[in-house]
Amino acid sequence: MTCDGPLVLIEPYAHRLGGHHQRTLAALAAARPGSLVIAPYGAAGPAPLRLAGARLVTGARGPAAAVLLAAAQWAHAVSTAGQRAFASRRWPRPLRRAPHQVTLIGRCLTEAACVRTARRLVPGPGAVVVLSTSEALHGAAALLGGQPHLRFVHEAVTVEDAPVRLLGRLARRGERRVIALYPTAAVRNQFADAFPRMAGQVRAFAVDDGHRLSAAEREGARTAFGIPAGATAVCLVGGWWPYKDIDVIDAALARLTQPLHLLVCGTPLDQEVLARWHALPQVRLHTVPGPVGEQVLRLVYAAADAALVARRPGVGKESGLVMDAARLGVPLVVSDHDRELSGRLGGQSWARLFPAGAPGALAAALDHLTAEPPDRPGPGAPAVLGMATAAEQAAFLIHAYARLTKEL
């Protein structure tokens, strides 16, 4: 089964720097020349899309899509105001959670507006894929959008309260018009009970674009950060979100016995913690506040002898940082927070695992980097993590969409 039309890529967060949605979007567009990219709120880095020959569409097209997008913007404004108003824990939990329910509705309306736009611009065959979707109201997005689509569901962040669950039940027949793509089995399992009628499949979101770091990039990056040739450097990339175990990193750094250059890049960051790290005797801190573009991110990775990933036990969503390290050729120091990920990385000479929540073990692993640095991941490393090339991913999406539309 094939799809003769263009690949339609919808990315509601294309206007934001940071994360790996930007890079995946550009890589897929480059793998399928002539792709249509719908970015409702604009694109922070449109140049790679244009170089790939993609058609970039911002806003909405058609009256129905325009109404849906306007309603989504109104919902997001109400949600933002509500979050500020009910931020204090003095308010009852239902009131504190209400703005987040409005966020789920706003995200659904945004997705529906984009799918409507795709339907108007590509009336014939064309594989429609929403790259970053809400964790709720899947059927409603399909019904309001008026077209089948594939949707990547990355994680469950917001708990659905009764009003959103009711809307979901009313639109349940729309769930047969979508295929949910989950980046890990753990994420799929989170949604299996809540959406038993919706077809789903595990598929890594990140793709291998083949742009590994070169020796020249690594040398230039270390010079840019002032890291001597014989020194050990580790990068800590991404915002400090609750699922990341910054506490265990904090405790581990205080126990180091060997000097370490630490490159911290991302947003949000805790300035008090950074000040504490700056004062540690064995740590030489380099801070690159985010969000940053792809070139700066490559610079940070290139300067490091290893990338550090520490998550709390049980976190099972896809780690863009682990995927970045594999595709760029950067060794990993990673917690064993996810059994499936640990199984893939176990025995790999380019990955050092340490027990999640164990600062002593992390300190020992970081100290050990100086005496025995790990190998660099080879070209086959992305496949170890289930990462497809951009061309393979594009072909998979087209095939999956053809299968979906044939079964309707």
Protein backbone atom coordinates (compact mmCIF):
# COMPACT_ATOMS: atom_id res chain seq x y z
CA MET A 1 0.00 0.00 0.00
CA THR A 2 1.34 3.44 -0.91
CA CYS A 3 0.28 7.06 -0.71
CA ASP A 4 0.89 9.11 -3.86
CA GLY A 5 0.25 12.50 -2.26
CA PRO A 6 2.65 14.61 -0.21
CA LEU A 7 3.66 13.91 3.37
CA VAL A 8 1.76 16.42 5.51
CA LEU A 9 3.63 17.17 8.74
CA ILE A 10 1.82 19.11 11.46
CA GLU A 11 3.91 20.50 14.32
CA PRO A 12 1.98 22.71 16.77
CA TYR A 13 5.21 23.56 18.61
CA ALA A 14 7.36 24.51 15.62
CA HIS A 15 7.52 28.07 16.95
CA ARG A 16 9.46 26.93 20.03
CA LEU A 17 13.18 26.34 20.18
CA GLY A 18 14.40 23.42 22.23
CA GLY A 19 13.34 19.79 22.28
CA HIS A 20 13.85 17.46 19.35
CA HIS A 21 10.62 18.20 17.47
CA GLN A 22 12.32 20.85 15.31
CA ARG A 23 15.07 18.52 14.13
CA THR A 24 12.70 15.61 13.49
CA LEU A 25 10.39 17.86 11.51
CA ALA A 26 13.22 19.11 9.29
CA ALA A 27 14.68 15.64 8.81
CA LEU A 28 11.34 14.16 7.72
CA ALA A 29 10.70 17.06 5.35
CA ALA A 30 14.14 16.58 3.80
CA ALA A 31 13.53 12.84 3.39
CA ARG A 32 10.32 13.50 1.47
CA PRO A 33 10.84 16.51 -0.87
CA GLY A 34 7.63 18.41 -1.51
CA SER A 35 6.27 17.81 1.98
CA LEU A 36 3.67 20.17 3.37
CA VAL A 37 4.57 21.48 6.83
CA ILE A 38 1.80 23.09 8.87
CA ALA A 39 3.03 25.19 11.79
CA PRO A 40 -0.01 27.06 13.16
CA TYR A 41 1.97 29.53 15.26
CA GLY A 42 4.97 29.89 12.95
CA ALA A 43 8.36 28.20 12.80
CA ALA A 44 11.31 29.25 14.95
CA GLY A 45 13.80 27.89 12.40
CA PRO A 46 12.22 27.85 8.93
CA ALA A 47 15.49 27.76 6.96
CA PRO A 48 16.01 23.94 7.12
CA LEU A 49 12.44 23.41 5.96
CA ARG A 50 12.89 25.68 2.98
CA LEU A 51 16.22 24.06 2.12
CA ALA A 52 14.43 20.71 2.20
CA GLY A 53 11.97 21.97 -0.40
CA ALA A 54 9.03 21.80 2.00
CA ARG A 55 6.01 24.06 1.70
CA LEU A 56 5.61 25.86 5.02
CA VAL A 57 2.10 26.98 5.98
CA THR A 58 1.44 29.05 9.11
CA GLY A 59 -1.92 29.99 10.60
CA ALA A 60 -5.07 28.33 9.26
CA ARG A 61 -6.57 27.92 5.82
CA GLY A 62 -10.32 27.99 5.30
CA PRO A 63 -13.11 29.36 7.50
CA ALA A 64 -13.59 26.22 9.60
CA ALA A 65 -9.88 25.96 10.40
CA ALA A 66 -9.73 29.70 11.19
CA VAL A 67 -12.58 29.37 13.68
CA LEU A 68 -10.98 26.37 15.33
CA LEU A 69 -7.59 28.07 15.63
CA ALA A 70 -9.17 31.24 17.05
CA ALA A 71 -11.01 29.14 19.63
CA ALA A 72 -7.74 27.36 20.48
CA GLN A 73 -5.97 30.67 21.06
CA TRP A 74 -8.81 31.83 23.29
CA ALA A 75 -8.61 28.59 25.27
CA HIS A 76 -4.86 28.95 25.73
CA ALA A 77 -5.32 32.53 26.97
CA VAL A 78 -7.97 31.41 29.46
CA SER A 79 -5.73 28.57 30.62
CA THR A 80 -2.74 30.86 31.13
CA ALA A 81 -4.82 33.34 33.13
CA GLY A 82 -6.32 30.53 35.17
CA GLN A 83 -2.94 29.03 36.00
CA ARG A 84 -1.78 32.39 37.33
CA ALA A 85 -4.98 32.92 39.29
CA PHE A 86 -5.09 29.46 40.89
CA ALA A 87 -1.36 28.83 41.32
CA SER A 88 -1.51 28.91 45.11
CA ARG A 89 -2.03 25.61 46.92
CA ARG A 90 -4.62 27.38 49.06
CA TRP A 91 -7.10 26.78 46.24
CA PRO A 92 -8.89 23.39 46.09
CA ARG A 93 -7.26 20.91 43.73
CA PRO A 94 -10.15 20.91 41.21
CA LEU A 95 -9.70 24.66 40.72
CA ARG A 96 -5.93 24.32 40.38
CA ARG A 97 -6.41 21.60 37.75
CA ALA A 98 -9.18 23.36 35.81
CA PRO A 99 -6.83 25.56 33.70
CA HIS A 100 -4.93 22.47 32.58
CA GLN A 101 -8.18 20.93 31.38
CA VAL A 102 -8.72 24.01 29.25
CA THR A 103 -5.18 23.51 27.91
CA LEU A 104 -6.14 20.02 26.73
CA ILE A 105 -9.16 21.45 24.91
CA GLY A 106 -7.02 24.20 23.36
CA ARG A 107 -4.47 21.69 22.10
CA CYS A 108 -7.25 19.58 20.59
CA LEU A 109 -8.65 22.63 18.79
CA THR A 110 -5.21 23.54 17.46
CA GLU A 111 -4.69 20.03 16.10
CA ALA A 112 -8.15 20.05 14.53
CA ALA A 113 -7.46 23.41 12.87
CA CYS A 114 -4.24 22.03 11.38
CA VAL A 115 -5.93 18.86 10.12
CA ARG A 116 -8.66 21.02 8.57
CA THR A 117 -5.97 23.10 6.89
CA ALA A 118 -4.36 19.94 5.53
CA ARG A 119 -7.71 18.78 4.20
CA ARG A 120 -8.21 22.07 2.37
CA LEU A 121 -4.70 22.28 0.90
CA VAL A 122 -4.34 18.58 0.02
CA PRO A 123 -7.81 17.38 -0.95
CA GLY A 124 -6.48 14.20 -2.55
CA PRO A 125 -4.21 11.46 -1.15
CA GLY A 126 -1.66 12.64 1.37
CA ALA A 127 -0.37 11.15 4.62
CA VAL A 128 -1.29 13.49 7.49
CA VAL A 129 0.87 13.22 10.62
CA VAL A 130 0.63 15.32 13.78
CA LEU A 131 4.11 15.13 15.31
CA SER A 132 3.35 16.48 18.82
CA THR A 133 -0.19 15.85 20.02
CA SER A 134 -2.23 16.21 23.15
CA GLU A 135 -2.60 13.19 25.38
CA ALA A 136 -6.38 13.53 25.31
CA LEU A 137 -9.35 14.09 22.97
CA HIS A 138 -7.87 12.05 20.14
CA GLY A 139 -11.26 11.29 18.63
CA ALA A 140 -12.39 14.90 18.93
CA ALA A 141 -9.32 16.10 17.00
CA ALA A 142 -10.15 13.65 14.20
CA LEU A 143 -13.86 14.55 14.04
CA LEU A 144 -13.32 18.31 14.19
CA GLY A 145 -10.43 18.06 11.74
CA GLY A 146 -12.54 16.08 9.34
CA GLN A 147 -9.71 13.81 8.20
CA PRO A 148 -7.91 10.67 9.39
CA HIS A 149 -4.40 11.19 10.67
CA LEU A 150 -1.49 9.66 12.53
CA ARG A 151 -0.61 11.22 15.88
CA PHE A 152 2.52 10.91 18.00
CA VAL A 153 1.54 10.81 21.68
CA HIS A 154 4.71 11.50 23.65
CA GLU A 155 3.61 11.31 27.28
CA ALA A 156 0.75 11.74 29.74
CA VAL A 157 1.21 15.01 31.61
CA THR A 158 -2.29 16.19 32.49
CA VAL A 159 -4.88 14.03 34.22
CA GLU A 160 -8.28 14.20 32.53
CA ASP A 161 -11.06 15.45 34.78
CA ALA A 162 -14.76 14.69 34.27
CA PRO A 163 -15.58 17.39 31.65
CA VAL A 164 -12.70 16.36 29.36
CA ARG A 165 -13.52 12.67 29.82
CA LEU A 166 -17.11 13.42 28.83
CA LEU A 167 -15.98 15.24 25.68
CA GLY A 168 -13.74 12.30 24.89
CA ARG A 169 -16.61 9.82 25.23
CA LEU A 170 -18.85 11.94 23.00
CA ALA A 171 -16.18 11.90 20.28
CA ARG A 172 -15.10 8.29 20.76
CA ARG A 173 -16.20 7.24 17.27
CA GLY A 174 -13.46 9.52 15.93
CA GLU A 175 -10.78 7.35 17.54
CA ARG A 176 -11.08 4.79 14.76
CA ARG A 177 -9.93 7.53 12.37
CA VAL A 178 -6.48 7.82 13.96
CA ILE A 179 -3.47 5.69 14.71
CA ALA A 180 -1.59 6.69 17.85
CA LEU A 181 2.18 6.31 17.67
CA TYR A 182 3.84 5.91 21.05
CA PRO A 183 7.61 6.42 21.32
CA THR A 184 8.01 3.69 23.96
CA ALA A 185 6.12 0.68 25.22
CA ALA A 186 5.81 2.35 28.63
CA VAL A 187 3.92 5.28 27.11
CA ARG A 188 1.70 2.91 25.13
CA ASN A 189 0.83 1.07 28.32
CA GLN A 190 -0.17 4.34 29.98
CA PHE A 191 -2.83 4.89 27.33
CA ALA A 192 -4.00 1.33 26.65
CA ASP A 193 -6.74 1.29 29.30
CA ALA A 194 -7.98 4.83 28.68
CA PHE A 195 -8.29 4.41 24.90
CA PRO A 196 -8.92 0.71 24.21
CA ARG A 197 -10.65 1.37 20.86
CA MET A 198 -7.84 3.46 19.41
CA ALA A 199 -5.27 1.71 17.26
CA GLY A 200 -1.77 2.23 18.58
CA GLN A 201 1.79 1.25 17.76
CA VAL A 202 5.18 1.75 19.38
CA ARG A 203 7.45 3.79 17.16
CA ALA A 204 10.44 5.92 18.18
CA PHE A 205 9.86 9.58 17.42
CA ALA A 206 13.47 10.74 16.98
CA VAL A 207 15.09 9.96 13.64
CA ASP A 208 18.68 9.54 12.58
CA ASP A 209 19.53 12.35 10.16
CA GLY A 210 23.06 11.02 9.63
CA HIS A 211 24.71 14.28 10.75
CA ARG A 212 27.24 12.89 13.21
CA LEU A 213 29.70 15.18 14.93
CA SER A 214 33.05 15.47 13.18
CA ALA A 215 36.49 15.55 14.76
CA ALA A 216 36.82 19.17 13.65
CA GLU A 217 33.56 20.07 15.44
CA ARG A 218 34.75 18.41 18.64
CA GLU A 219 38.09 20.18 18.55
CA GLY A 220 36.52 23.55 17.80
CA ALA A 221 33.91 23.16 20.53
CA ARG A 222 36.45 22.38 23.21
CA THR A 223 38.46 25.39 22.15
CA ALA A 224 35.32 27.56 22.29
CA PHE A 225 34.59 26.50 25.86
CA GLY A 226 38.23 26.63 26.94
CA ILE A 227 38.41 22.92 27.79
CA PRO A 228 42.00 21.56 27.67
CA ALA A 229 42.70 18.55 25.48
CA GLY A 230 43.35 16.19 28.40
CA ALA A 231 40.42 17.33 30.56
CA THR A 232 37.16 15.39 31.01
CA ALA A 233 33.92 17.12 30.06
CA VAL A 234 30.30 16.05 30.48
CA CYS A 235 27.20 17.82 29.16
CA LEU A 236 23.84 18.08 30.91
CA VAL A 237 21.31 19.15 28.29
CA GLY A 238 17.66 20.16 28.58
CA GLY A 239 15.42 21.90 31.07
CA TRP A 240 15.28 20.71 34.65
CA TRP A 241 11.83 19.16 34.68
CA PRO A 242 10.39 17.12 37.59
CA TYR A 243 11.12 13.76 35.93
CA LYS A 244 14.84 14.59 35.82
CA ASP A 245 16.79 13.75 38.94
CA ILE A 246 18.80 16.92 39.48
CA ASP A 247 19.06 16.10 43.19
CA VAL A 248 21.11 12.98 42.52
CA ILE A 249 23.40 14.94 40.16
CA ASP A 250 23.78 17.63 42.81
CA ALA A 251 24.82 15.09 45.42
CA ALA A 252 27.12 13.24 43.01
CA LEU A 253 29.03 16.33 41.95
CA ALA A 254 29.83 17.11 45.58
CA ARG A 255 31.47 13.66 45.88
CA LEU A 256 33.76 13.87 42.85
CA THR A 257 37.43 13.11 43.39
CA GLN A 258 38.53 13.96 39.83
CA PRO A 259 38.25 17.32 38.02
CA LEU A 260 35.28 17.60 35.66
CA HIS A 261 34.12 20.21 33.16
CA LEU A 262 30.31 20.33 33.23
CA LEU A 263 28.41 21.96 30.37
CA VAL A 264 24.82 22.82 31.34
CA CYS A 265 22.46 23.83 28.55
CA GLY A 266 18.69 24.31 28.68
CA THR A 267 15.75 26.00 30.33
CA PRO A 268 14.45 26.16 33.00
CA LEU A 269 17.52 25.93 35.24
CA ASP A 270 17.83 26.48 38.99
CA GLN A 271 20.25 29.33 39.56
CA GLU A 272 20.82 28.44 43.23
CA VAL A 273 21.90 24.94 42.27
CA LEU A 274 24.17 26.30 39.54
CA ALA A 275 25.80 28.65 42.04
CA ARG A 276 26.45 25.70 44.32
CA TRP A 277 28.01 23.71 41.48
CA HIS A 278 30.16 26.67 40.51
CA ALA A 279 31.68 26.65 43.98
CA LEU A 280 32.54 22.93 44.01
CA PRO A 281 36.30 22.28 43.99
CA GLN A 282 36.29 19.57 41.32
CA VAL A 283 33.74 21.15 38.97
CA ARG A 284 34.43 23.66 36.21
CA LEU A 285 30.98 24.87 35.20
CA HIS A 286 30.00 26.16 31.73
CA THR A 287 26.42 27.40 31.42
CA VAL A 288 24.57 27.89 28.12
CA PRO A 289 21.04 29.13 28.97
CA GLY A 290 18.36 27.88 26.62
CA PRO A 291 16.42 27.49 24.57
CA VAL A 292 19.08 27.23 21.87
CA GLY A 293 19.17 26.38 18.18
CA GLU A 294 20.61 23.27 16.60
CA GLN A 295 24.07 24.71 15.94
CA VAL A 296 24.60 25.74 19.57
CA LEU A 297 23.31 22.39 20.75
CA ARG A 298 25.79 20.59 18.50
CA LEU A 299 28.55 22.76 19.97
CA VAL A 300 27.64 21.67 23.51
CA TYR A 301 27.52 17.98 22.60
CA ALA A 302 30.74 18.23 20.59
CA ALA A 303 32.67 19.62 23.57
CA ALA A 304 31.66 16.71 25.82
CA ASP A 305 33.30 13.36 26.40
CA ALA A 306 29.90 12.06 27.49
CA ALA A 307 26.29 13.17 27.88
CA LEU A 308 24.73 12.78 31.33
CA VAL A 309 21.08 11.66 31.60
CA ALA A 310 19.61 11.15 35.08
CA ARG A 311 15.90 10.47 35.48
CA ARG A 312 13.76 9.36 38.36
CA PRO A 313 12.96 5.63 38.59
CA GLY A 314 10.07 4.52 36.43
CA VAL A 315 10.16 7.33 33.86
CA GLY A 316 9.53 5.53 30.59
CA LYS A 317 9.04 8.19 27.92
CA GLU A 318 11.51 8.61 25.08
CA SER A 319 14.63 10.54 25.98
CA GLY A 320 15.56 12.96 23.23
CA LEU A 321 18.93 13.37 24.95
CA VAL A 322 19.72 9.66 24.73
CA MET A 323 18.67 9.70 21.07
CA ASP A 324 20.80 12.80 20.44
CA ALA A 325 23.86 11.14 21.91
CA ALA A 326 23.41 8.02 19.78
CA ARG A 327 22.87 9.85 16.50
CA LEU A 328 25.65 12.42 17.10
CA GLY A 329 28.21 9.92 18.36
CA VAL A 330 28.50 11.04 22.01
CA PRO A 331 29.02 8.47 24.80
CA LEU A 332 26.38 8.22 27.53
CA VAL A 333 26.32 8.18 31.31
CA VAL A 334 22.70 7.28 32.00
CA SER A 335 20.56 6.12 34.92
CA ASP A 336 18.79 2.76 34.78
CA HIS A 337 15.40 4.45 35.33
CA ASP A 338 13.74 2.59 32.44
CA ARG A 339 14.07 -1.20 32.21
CA GLU A 340 13.56 -1.31 28.43
CA LEU A 341 16.15 1.40 27.77
CA SER A 342 18.62 -0.25 30.13
CA GLY A 343 18.14 -3.52 28.27
CA ARG A 344 19.03 -1.86 24.99
CA LEU A 345 22.07 -0.07 26.42
CA GLY A 346 23.40 -2.92 28.54
CA GLY A 347 26.68 -4.19 27.15
CA GLN A 348 27.18 -1.24 24.80
CA SER A 349 30.74 0.06 25.08
CA TRP A 350 29.55 3.64 24.58
CA ALA A 351 27.07 3.68 27.50
CA ARG A 352 27.75 3.65 31.25
CA LEU A 353 24.70 2.79 33.36
CA PHE A 354 24.32 3.72 37.02
CA PRO A 355 21.48 2.92 39.46
CA ALA A 356 18.77 5.59 39.41
CA GLY A 357 18.73 7.63 42.59
CA ALA A 358 22.27 6.61 43.61
CA PRO A 359 24.59 9.65 43.79
CA GLY A 360 27.56 7.60 44.95
CA ALA A 361 27.34 5.35 41.90
CA LEU A 362 27.01 8.37 39.62
CA ALA A 363 30.03 10.06 41.20
CA ALA A 364 32.07 6.88 40.68
CA ALA A 365 30.94 6.67 37.04
CA LEU A 366 31.94 10.29 36.40
CA ASP A 367 35.30 9.84 38.12
CA HIS A 368 35.89 6.71 36.04
CA LEU A 369 35.54 8.68 32.80
CA THR A 370 38.97 10.22 33.32
CA ALA A 371 40.84 6.93 33.67
CA GLU A 372 38.78 4.93 31.18
CA PRO A 373 36.70 6.98 28.74
CA PRO A 374 33.95 5.07 26.93
CA ASP A 375 33.96 4.43 23.19
CA ARG A 376 32.07 6.75 20.88
CA PRO A 377 28.81 5.37 19.48
CA GLY A 378 29.25 4.06 15.95
CA PRO A 379 26.87 4.51 13.01
CA GLY A 380 24.84 1.53 14.22
CA ALA A 381 24.06 3.09 17.62
CA PRO A 382 20.73 4.71 16.61
CA ALA A 383 19.38 1.32 15.50
CA VAL A 384 20.20 -0.11 18.94
CA LEU A 385 17.66 2.34 20.36
CA GLY A 386 15.05 1.58 17.71
CA MET A 387 15.71 4.82 15.87
CA ALA A 388 14.98 4.78 12.14
CA THR A 389 16.60 6.94 9.51
CA ALA A 390 14.53 9.88 8.31
CA ALA A 391 13.83 8.11 5.02
CA GLU A 392 12.73 4.93 6.82
CA GLN A 393 10.47 6.92 9.12
CA ALA A 394 8.85 8.80 6.25
CA ALA A 395 8.19 5.52 4.43
CA PHE A 396 6.70 4.01 7.59
CA LEU A 397 4.36 6.97 8.10
CA ILE A 398 3.15 6.84 4.51
CA HIS A 399 2.52 3.10 4.72
CA ALA A 400 0.74 3.38 8.09
CA TYR A 401 -1.51 6.14 6.79
CA ALA A 402 -2.42 4.14 3.70
CA ARG A 403 -3.32 1.22 5.95
CA LEU A 404 -5.47 3.47 8.15
CA THR A 405 -7.44 4.97 5.27
CA LYS A 406 -7.94 1.59 3.61
CA GLU A 407 -9.51 0.18 6.77
CA LEU A 408 -12.02 3.05 7.19
